[in-house]
Amino acid sequence: MSSNRRVYKVYRKKRKRKRLVSFILVPILMMALAGTGYAAFLYNKAENVFGKTYHSIGKSSKRDTAVNPEKDNISLLFIGIDDSEKRHLKGNTRSDALMLATFNTKKKTIKLVSIPRDSYVHIPANNTYTKITHAHAIGGTKATVDTVEELMHVPVDYYVKMNFNAFMDVVDALNGIKVDVPYEMYEQDSKDHKNAIHLQKGMQTLNGEEALAFVRTRHKDSDIYRGKRQQQAIEAIAHKATSVGAVSKYTKVIEAIGDNMSTNLTFSEMKSFVDYVLSSKGLQVQSLSLKGSDEYINRIYYYKLDDTSLNEIRTELQSHLELTPSEKAKFDSENDTAQADQQ
């Protein structure tokens, strides 16, 4: 094993607080906007806004053929970035939230796994081992997608990238989301004012600033629990956006997305997700969690993923996507190469 990849367990030090935390919007929200029978002007507005967010990164090399979300099982990566309005999602900043969702078109089920930002992984773009959050800074969306594909052993068919401004605006446009706050917390606001947000423990409705504080804090726990809070917030947004009476708020939601999103989903493909919301069993989202441990490499903190947990989730996602033997074999070959590399 090369020296830059040896794990050294050294004294634990306080983690450096991250300046910004961003989040991402679920495609379920977009399908609700695009797929229901509301007024034509609103439909046209959504089509215009979402049309401007399209940015292709090419088809996944892990697929035998191109997929169609109307009839195929697909995967989608949510990328929340530490970005500014000035960059308009064009700068290669670090990702601050990564969630991979798989969609099974027959069962109309969704599996959602949060990938801790400090996970120690291989970055194919420059053949280094570092935190997965660095993949976006190294090579943008494509590097992030390639890294997640190699890590999770499933194709990443689509992505949705969004900054934290959109997250807050969408929550506010929906008049808040209801979540269960695990403990009393003080957190900085979106302008980095220390302890500006104070939340009490318990189930409650949060506005945009409060929701951002809810998903960004990790003072009393860890990235794993932060990932679970992000999953809870995503599900809360999805349910609120598809609830009775939400249609009246869609204009504000569309405007909130605006310049804050980039995706390789076309407007037509977004509409194909509507069946997951209109399923007879309702919206079915299962959240999965990657287990791991705190490790240090050259005195730098990393989250070392547990191999057993990682392999179990890989298998579950592959099964949910119903990958072909040929598609699975591509990851097996990649894994053999990586293991040889470590020796």
Protein backbone atom coordinates (compact mmCIF):
# COMPACT_ATOMS: atom_id res chain seq x y z
CA MET A 1 0.00 0.00 0.00
CA SER A 2 1.38 3.44 -0.94
CA SER A 3 2.31 5.78 1.91
CA ASN A 4 -0.30 8.38 1.01
CA ARG A 5 -3.02 5.80 1.60
CA ARG A 6 -1.94 4.35 4.94
CA VAL A 7 -4.36 5.13 7.74
CA TYR A 8 -2.76 6.48 10.91
CA LYS A 9 -4.87 6.48 14.04
CA VAL A 10 -3.65 9.51 15.95
CA TYR A 11 -5.05 11.78 18.61
CA ARG A 12 -8.49 13.13 17.92
CA LYS A 13 -8.70 16.83 17.29
CA LYS A 14 -11.62 19.19 16.94
CA ARG A 15 -12.96 19.30 13.41
CA LYS A 16 -12.73 22.55 11.54
CA ARG A 17 -16.15 24.12 11.14
CA LYS A 18 -17.25 24.46 7.55
CA ARG A 19 -18.16 27.95 6.40
CA LEU A 20 -21.12 27.07 4.21
CA VAL A 21 -23.44 24.11 3.84
CA SER A 22 -25.63 23.67 0.83
CA PHE A 23 -28.41 21.30 -0.01
CA ILE A 24 -30.25 19.95 -2.97
CA LEU A 25 -33.79 19.64 -4.23
CA VAL A 26 -35.45 16.35 -5.07
CA PRO A 27 -36.71 15.61 -8.57
CA ILE A 28 -40.00 14.67 -6.92
CA LEU A 29 -40.56 18.37 -6.41
CA MET A 30 -39.85 19.04 -10.07
CA MET A 31 -42.19 16.28 -11.26
CA ALA A 32 -44.93 17.72 -9.08
CA LEU A 33 -44.40 21.06 -10.78
CA ALA A 34 -44.24 19.56 -14.25
CA GLY A 35 -46.71 16.71 -14.13
CA THR A 36 -49.93 17.96 -12.57
CA GLY A 37 -52.78 19.54 -14.44
CA TYR A 38 -52.51 23.15 -13.29
CA ALA A 39 -52.87 26.29 -15.39
CA ALA A 40 -51.05 26.45 -18.72
CA PHE A 41 -49.15 29.60 -17.85
CA LEU A 42 -47.61 27.91 -14.81
CA TYR A 43 -46.67 24.88 -16.87
CA ASN A 44 -45.01 27.12 -19.44
CA LYS A 45 -43.15 28.98 -16.72
CA ALA A 46 -41.78 25.72 -15.33
CA GLU A 47 -40.77 24.54 -18.80
CA ASN A 48 -38.93 27.79 -19.44
CA VAL A 49 -37.10 27.84 -16.09
CA PHE A 50 -36.11 24.18 -16.09
CA GLY A 51 -35.07 24.33 -19.74
CA LYS A 52 -32.37 26.82 -18.77
CA THR A 53 -31.01 24.54 -16.04
CA TYR A 54 -30.07 21.71 -18.43
CA HIS A 55 -26.39 20.79 -18.69
CA SER A 56 -25.31 17.46 -20.14
CA ILE A 57 -22.28 15.50 -18.92
CA GLY A 58 -22.84 12.57 -21.26
CA LYS A 59 -24.25 9.07 -20.75
CA SER A 60 -22.87 6.90 -17.99
CA SER A 61 -20.16 4.59 -19.31
CA LYS A 62 -21.45 1.94 -16.90
CA ARG A 63 -24.67 1.45 -18.86
CA ASP A 64 -25.09 -0.98 -21.74
CA THR A 65 -27.61 1.37 -23.35
CA ALA A 66 -29.08 4.79 -22.65
CA VAL A 67 -31.92 4.85 -20.11
CA ASN A 68 -35.34 6.46 -20.24
CA PRO A 69 -36.89 7.37 -16.84
CA GLU A 70 -40.37 6.76 -18.28
CA LYS A 71 -39.74 3.02 -18.57
CA ASP A 72 -36.34 2.20 -17.02
CA ASN A 73 -34.98 2.00 -13.50
CA ILE A 74 -32.63 4.96 -13.07
CA SER A 75 -30.35 6.59 -10.51
CA LEU A 76 -29.94 10.25 -9.68
CA LEU A 77 -27.23 12.03 -7.70
CA PHE A 78 -28.13 15.11 -5.65
CA ILE A 79 -25.17 17.47 -5.29
CA GLY A 80 -25.32 20.33 -2.81
CA ILE A 81 -22.45 22.74 -3.29
CA ASP A 82 -20.64 25.45 -1.35
CA ASP A 83 -21.19 28.09 -4.00
CA SER A 84 -21.96 31.79 -4.31
CA GLU A 85 -24.52 33.67 -6.36
CA LYS A 86 -21.63 35.26 -8.25
CA ARG A 87 -20.42 31.91 -9.57
CA HIS A 88 -23.90 30.81 -10.72
CA LEU A 89 -23.00 27.15 -10.13
CA LYS A 90 -20.10 27.34 -12.59
CA GLY A 91 -17.21 27.31 -10.14
CA ASN A 92 -15.62 24.03 -9.07
CA THR A 93 -16.17 24.39 -5.34
CA ARG A 94 -16.41 21.48 -2.91
CA SER A 95 -19.64 19.55 -2.64
CA ASP A 96 -21.25 19.85 0.76
CA ALA A 97 -23.99 17.24 0.42
CA LEU A 98 -24.17 14.11 -1.72
CA MET A 99 -27.20 11.85 -1.92
CA LEU A 100 -27.70 9.02 -4.36
CA ALA A 101 -31.26 7.94 -5.18
CA THR A 102 -32.33 4.90 -7.19
CA PHE A 103 -35.79 4.64 -8.76
CA ASN A 104 -37.51 1.33 -9.53
CA THR A 105 -40.17 1.96 -12.15
CA LYS A 106 -42.12 -1.28 -11.57
CA LYS A 107 -42.42 -1.00 -7.80
CA LYS A 108 -42.50 2.83 -7.84
CA THR A 109 -40.03 2.85 -4.96
CA ILE A 110 -37.04 5.08 -4.21
CA LYS A 111 -33.92 4.26 -2.21
CA LEU A 112 -31.90 7.17 -0.90
CA VAL A 113 -28.38 6.99 0.54
CA SER A 114 -26.42 9.91 1.97
CA ILE A 115 -22.65 9.85 1.37
CA PRO A 116 -20.69 11.62 4.14
CA ARG A 117 -18.66 14.51 2.72
CA ASP A 118 -15.48 13.41 4.53
CA SER A 119 -15.60 9.84 3.18
CA TYR A 120 -12.13 8.61 2.20
CA VAL A 121 -12.42 7.53 -1.44
CA HIS A 122 -10.57 7.20 -4.72
CA ILE A 123 -11.06 10.15 -7.11
CA PRO A 124 -10.70 8.79 -10.67
CA ALA A 125 -10.30 12.27 -12.19
CA ASN A 126 -6.77 12.64 -10.81
CA ASN A 127 -6.17 9.16 -9.36
CA THR A 128 -5.89 10.32 -5.76
CA TYR A 129 -7.38 9.19 -2.45
CA THR A 130 -9.00 11.95 -0.44
CA LYS A 131 -12.34 13.23 0.86
CA ILE A 132 -15.22 12.78 -1.57
CA THR A 133 -16.11 16.46 -1.11
CA HIS A 134 -12.93 17.32 -3.06
CA ALA A 135 -14.12 15.56 -6.23
CA HIS A 136 -16.21 18.54 -7.31
CA ALA A 137 -13.34 20.96 -6.70
CA ILE A 138 -11.06 18.71 -8.75
CA GLY A 139 -13.29 18.19 -11.77
CA GLY A 140 -16.79 19.54 -11.21
CA THR A 141 -19.96 17.54 -11.76
CA LYS A 142 -18.41 14.88 -14.01
CA ALA A 143 -15.63 14.09 -11.50
CA THR A 144 -18.19 13.84 -8.71
CA VAL A 145 -20.44 11.52 -10.73
CA ASP A 146 -17.50 9.29 -11.73
CA THR A 147 -16.34 9.09 -8.10
CA VAL A 148 -19.78 8.11 -6.83
CA GLU A 149 -20.16 5.49 -9.57
CA GLU A 150 -16.84 3.90 -8.61
CA LEU A 151 -17.66 4.05 -4.90
CA MET A 152 -21.25 2.75 -5.01
CA HIS A 153 -20.89 0.30 -7.94
CA VAL A 154 -23.98 1.61 -9.75
CA PRO A 155 -24.37 3.88 -12.78
CA VAL A 156 -25.27 7.49 -12.07
CA ASP A 157 -27.73 8.32 -14.83
CA TYR A 158 -28.74 11.82 -13.79
CA TYR A 159 -27.68 14.56 -11.41
CA VAL A 160 -29.30 17.60 -9.80
CA LYS A 161 -26.88 20.23 -8.49
CA MET A 162 -28.07 23.09 -6.33
CA ASN A 163 -26.68 25.63 -3.88
CA PHE A 164 -27.95 26.42 -0.42
CA ASN A 165 -29.80 29.58 -1.51
CA ALA A 166 -32.26 27.47 -3.50
CA PHE A 167 -32.81 25.16 -0.54
CA MET A 168 -33.81 28.04 1.73
CA ASP A 169 -35.96 29.71 -0.92
CA VAL A 170 -37.84 26.50 -1.71
CA VAL A 171 -38.57 25.84 1.96
CA ASP A 172 -39.85 29.40 2.36
CA ALA A 173 -41.93 29.13 -0.82
CA LEU A 174 -43.63 26.08 0.70
CA ASN A 175 -44.28 28.01 3.93
CA GLY A 176 -41.83 25.82 5.83
CA ILE A 177 -41.28 22.10 6.35
CA LYS A 178 -42.08 19.96 9.37
CA VAL A 179 -39.17 18.01 10.89
CA ASP A 180 -38.16 16.47 14.20
CA VAL A 181 -35.28 18.46 15.72
CA PRO A 182 -33.21 15.92 17.74
CA TYR A 183 -31.88 18.36 20.34
CA GLU A 184 -31.70 22.05 21.19
CA MET A 185 -29.26 23.69 18.83
CA TYR A 186 -27.58 27.00 18.13
CA GLU A 187 -26.24 27.47 14.62
CA GLN A 188 -25.01 30.25 12.37
CA ASP A 189 -27.35 31.60 9.68
CA SER A 190 -26.73 31.80 5.94
CA LYS A 191 -24.75 35.03 6.45
CA ASP A 192 -22.44 33.28 8.94
CA HIS A 193 -23.77 35.14 11.98
CA LYS A 194 -22.78 32.96 14.93
CA ASN A 195 -25.64 31.39 16.95
CA ALA A 196 -28.22 33.40 14.98
CA ILE A 197 -30.51 30.37 14.74
CA HIS A 198 -31.87 28.80 17.93
CA LEU A 199 -34.00 25.66 17.62
CA GLN A 200 -35.73 23.75 20.40
CA LYS A 201 -35.94 19.96 20.49
CA GLY A 202 -39.02 18.30 18.98
CA MET A 203 -41.33 18.19 15.96
CA GLN A 204 -41.85 21.63 14.45
CA THR A 205 -42.20 23.64 11.24
CA LEU A 206 -38.99 25.39 10.13
CA ASN A 207 -38.53 28.27 7.71
CA GLY A 208 -35.68 28.37 5.19
CA GLU A 209 -32.99 29.74 7.50
CA GLU A 210 -34.00 27.36 10.29
CA ALA A 211 -34.10 24.39 7.91
CA LEU A 212 -30.59 25.22 6.71
CA ALA A 213 -29.37 25.30 10.32
CA PHE A 214 -31.10 21.96 10.91
CA VAL A 215 -29.28 20.22 8.04
CA ARG A 216 -25.90 21.90 8.49
CA THR A 217 -25.18 21.46 12.22
CA ARG A 218 -22.97 18.67 13.51
CA HIS A 219 -21.68 20.14 16.76
CA LYS A 220 -23.31 17.43 18.89
CA ASP A 221 -23.08 14.46 16.56
CA SER A 222 -21.43 13.72 13.20
CA ASP A 223 -21.70 13.73 9.41
CA ILE A 224 -23.71 10.51 9.58
CA TYR A 225 -26.44 12.13 11.65
CA ARG A 226 -26.24 15.26 9.52
CA GLY A 227 -26.86 13.04 6.50
CA LYS A 228 -29.93 11.59 8.21
CA ARG A 229 -31.22 15.12 8.88
CA GLN A 230 -30.66 15.96 5.21
CA GLN A 231 -32.66 12.89 4.23
CA GLN A 232 -35.44 13.92 6.62
CA ALA A 233 -35.51 17.43 5.13
CA ILE A 234 -35.63 16.08 1.55
CA GLU A 235 -38.58 13.84 2.40
CA ALA A 236 -40.32 16.75 4.16
CA ILE A 237 -39.90 18.95 1.06
CA ALA A 238 -41.16 16.16 -1.20
CA HIS A 239 -44.27 15.51 0.89
CA LYS A 240 -45.02 19.22 1.30
CA ALA A 241 -44.57 19.91 -2.42
CA THR A 242 -46.95 17.10 -3.40
CA SER A 243 -49.58 17.77 -0.74
CA VAL A 244 -53.06 19.13 -1.29
CA GLY A 245 -52.91 22.92 -1.60
CA ALA A 246 -49.25 23.05 -2.62
CA VAL A 247 -50.11 23.97 -6.22
CA SER A 248 -50.78 27.56 -5.18
CA LYS A 249 -47.15 27.83 -4.04
CA TYR A 250 -45.57 26.47 -7.22
CA THR A 251 -44.89 29.84 -8.84
CA LYS A 252 -42.69 30.82 -5.90
CA VAL A 253 -41.03 27.41 -5.88
CA ILE A 254 -40.19 27.65 -9.58
CA GLU A 255 -38.70 31.10 -9.08
CA ALA A 256 -36.73 29.83 -6.07
CA ILE A 257 -35.06 27.20 -8.24
CA GLY A 258 -34.18 29.69 -10.97
CA ASP A 259 -30.45 30.24 -11.34
CA ASN A 260 -29.57 27.99 -8.41
CA MET A 261 -29.84 24.64 -10.17
CA SER A 262 -28.02 22.62 -12.83
CA THR A 263 -29.16 19.20 -14.09
CA ASN A 264 -28.95 16.82 -17.03
CA LEU A 265 -32.66 16.06 -16.75
CA THR A 266 -34.72 17.52 -19.57
CA PHE A 267 -38.12 18.98 -18.77
CA SER A 268 -39.75 15.99 -20.43
CA GLU A 269 -37.70 13.57 -18.32
CA MET A 270 -38.63 15.46 -15.14
CA LYS A 271 -42.30 14.90 -15.90
CA SER A 272 -41.78 11.14 -16.14
CA PHE A 273 -41.22 10.96 -12.36
CA VAL A 274 -44.79 11.93 -11.56
CA ASP A 275 -45.92 8.30 -11.25
CA TYR A 276 -43.75 7.91 -8.14
CA VAL A 277 -45.88 10.56 -6.45
CA LEU A 278 -49.22 9.34 -7.80
CA SER A 279 -48.58 5.70 -6.89
CA SER A 280 -51.50 4.00 -5.13
CA LYS A 281 -49.22 3.46 -2.13
CA GLY A 282 -48.09 7.08 -2.11
CA LEU A 283 -44.53 8.32 -2.16
CA GLN A 284 -42.25 5.45 -1.08
CA VAL A 285 -38.75 6.53 -0.05
CA GLN A 286 -36.40 4.26 1.91
CA SER A 287 -33.36 5.96 3.45
CA LEU A 288 -30.12 4.00 3.74
CA SER A 289 -27.08 4.86 5.87
CA LEU A 290 -23.41 4.12 5.26
CA LYS A 291 -21.57 2.98 8.37
CA GLY A 292 -17.97 3.86 9.08
CA SER A 293 -15.45 5.17 11.57
CA ASP A 294 -13.34 8.26 12.23
CA GLU A 295 -9.78 7.91 10.97
CA TYR A 296 -6.74 10.13 10.44
CA ILE A 297 -4.33 9.99 7.53
CA ASN A 298 -1.27 12.18 7.94
CA ARG A 299 -3.13 13.95 10.77
CA ILE A 300 -6.06 14.86 8.49
CA TYR A 301 -9.54 13.70 9.48
CA TYR A 302 -11.43 11.31 7.21
CA TYR A 303 -14.53 9.15 7.50
CA LYS A 304 -13.47 5.57 6.69
CA LEU A 305 -16.42 3.68 5.24
CA ASP A 306 -17.09 0.22 6.63
CA ASP A 307 -16.52 -2.33 3.86
CA THR A 308 -19.36 -4.61 4.98
CA SER A 309 -21.88 -1.78 5.14
CA LEU A 310 -20.69 -0.38 1.81
CA ASN A 311 -20.96 -3.74 0.06
CA GLU A 312 -24.44 -4.38 1.49
CA ILE A 313 -25.72 -1.05 0.18
CA ARG A 314 -24.00 -1.57 -3.18
CA THR A 315 -25.83 -4.89 -3.55
CA GLU A 316 -29.15 -3.37 -2.47
CA LEU A 317 -28.87 -0.52 -4.98
CA GLN A 318 -27.79 -2.85 -7.80
CA SER A 319 -30.79 -5.06 -7.07
CA HIS A 320 -33.13 -2.07 -6.93
CA LEU A 321 -31.87 -0.90 -10.32
CA GLU A 322 -32.01 -4.49 -11.64
CA LEU A 323 -28.61 -4.11 -13.31
CA THR A 324 -27.72 -6.57 -16.04
CA PRO A 325 -24.85 -9.07 -15.50
CA SER A 326 -22.83 -7.05 -18.02
CA GLU A 327 -23.35 -3.80 -16.09
CA LYS A 328 -22.42 -5.44 -12.78
CA ALA A 329 -19.30 -6.93 -14.37
CA LYS A 330 -18.01 -3.47 -15.22
CA PHE A 331 -17.82 -2.65 -11.52
CA ASP A 332 -16.30 -6.03 -10.63
CA SER A 333 -13.47 -5.38 -13.09
CA GLU A 334 -13.01 -1.89 -11.68
CA ASN A 335 -12.88 -3.28 -8.15
CA ASP A 336 -10.20 -5.82 -9.08
CA THR A 337 -8.05 -3.03 -10.52
CA ALA A 338 -8.47 -0.93 -7.38
CA GLN A 339 -7.50 -3.85 -5.12
CA ALA A 340 -4.40 -4.53 -7.20
CA ASP A 341 -3.55 -0.85 -6.92
CA GLN A 342 -3.57 -1.04 -3.14
CA GLN A 343 -1.13 -3.93 -2.96
